[in-house]
Amino acid sequence: MRGDLGRNLTFGLQEVLGRAIIVGDYADRPFPTEAEIVKQHGVSRSVTREAVKMLGAKGLLSARPKQG
């Protein structure tokens, strides 16, 4: 899956996850954990954290400590 993210992994992952949120892929299930995203997309934890942080800044996600 990593090859589908383009040259900048953080922006690519942010785009993939953002699109999934917008089209409702997570409407009936919880958003994946950091570990699940790392495994599914083959990226590092730092790439995942930065992409999730960017989605939060765009208002697509909100952080809930100690959940997931």
Protein backbone atom coordinates (compact mmCIF):
# COMPACT_ATOMS: atom_id res chain seq x y z
CA MET A 1 0.00 0.00 0.00
CA ARG A 2 2.94 2.30 0.64
CA GLY A 3 3.52 2.80 -3.09
CA ASP A 4 0.03 4.28 -3.44
CA LEU A 5 0.89 7.14 -1.10
CA GLY A 6 3.17 9.03 -3.48
CA ARG A 7 6.49 10.68 -2.77
CA ASN A 8 5.55 12.30 0.54
CA LEU A 9 4.21 9.56 2.77
CA THR A 10 2.67 11.89 5.35
CA PHE A 11 0.63 13.87 2.83
CA GLY A 12 -0.27 10.70 0.93
CA LEU A 13 -1.50 8.96 4.06
CA GLN A 14 -3.40 12.07 5.13
CA GLU A 15 -5.12 12.15 1.75
CA VAL A 16 -6.02 8.44 1.82
CA LEU A 17 -7.38 8.58 5.37
CA GLY A 18 -9.13 11.91 4.79
CA ARG A 19 -10.91 10.57 1.73
CA ALA A 20 -11.99 7.48 3.65
CA ILE A 21 -13.44 9.69 6.40
CA ILE A 22 -15.27 11.93 3.93
CA VAL A 23 -16.86 9.09 1.96
CA GLY A 24 -18.02 7.45 5.19
CA ASP A 25 -15.76 4.41 5.38
CA TYR A 26 -15.65 4.81 9.16
CA ALA A 27 -19.31 5.68 9.68
CA ASP A 28 -20.18 2.24 11.01
CA ARG A 29 -16.84 1.28 12.53
CA PRO A 30 -14.21 3.01 14.65
CA PHE A 31 -11.27 4.81 13.11
CA PRO A 32 -8.25 2.47 13.12
CA THR A 33 -5.61 2.68 15.81
CA GLU A 34 -2.13 3.95 15.09
CA ALA A 35 -0.82 0.37 15.04
CA GLU A 36 -3.50 -0.71 12.57
CA ILE A 37 -2.71 2.20 10.23
CA VAL A 38 1.02 1.42 10.40
CA LYS A 39 0.41 -2.22 9.54
CA GLN A 40 -2.20 -1.59 6.84
CA HIS A 41 -0.30 1.15 5.00
CA GLY A 42 3.28 0.09 5.69
CA VAL A 43 4.37 3.45 7.06
CA SER A 44 6.15 4.48 10.25
CA ARG A 45 4.50 5.62 13.45
CA SER A 46 5.83 9.15 12.95
CA VAL A 47 4.26 9.36 9.47
CA THR A 48 0.99 8.07 10.92
CA ARG A 49 1.01 10.51 13.83
CA GLU A 50 1.74 13.47 11.59
CA ALA A 51 -1.01 12.52 9.11
CA VAL A 52 -3.53 12.09 11.94
CA LYS A 53 -2.45 15.43 13.41
CA MET A 54 -3.05 17.07 10.02
CA LEU A 55 -6.53 15.51 9.80
CA GLY A 56 -7.27 16.87 13.26
CA ALA A 57 -6.17 20.35 12.20
CA LYS A 58 -8.57 20.12 9.26
CA GLY A 59 -11.40 19.17 11.60
CA LEU A 60 -11.83 15.64 10.24
CA LEU A 61 -10.70 13.94 13.46
CA SER A 62 -10.71 14.79 17.12
CA ALA A 63 -8.40 13.29 19.70
CA ARG A 64 -9.80 11.27 22.56
CA PRO A 65 -7.09 10.35 25.05
CA LYS A 66 -6.89 6.76 26.27
CA GLN A 67 -9.34 5.43 23.68
CA GLY A 68 -7.80 3.06 21.18
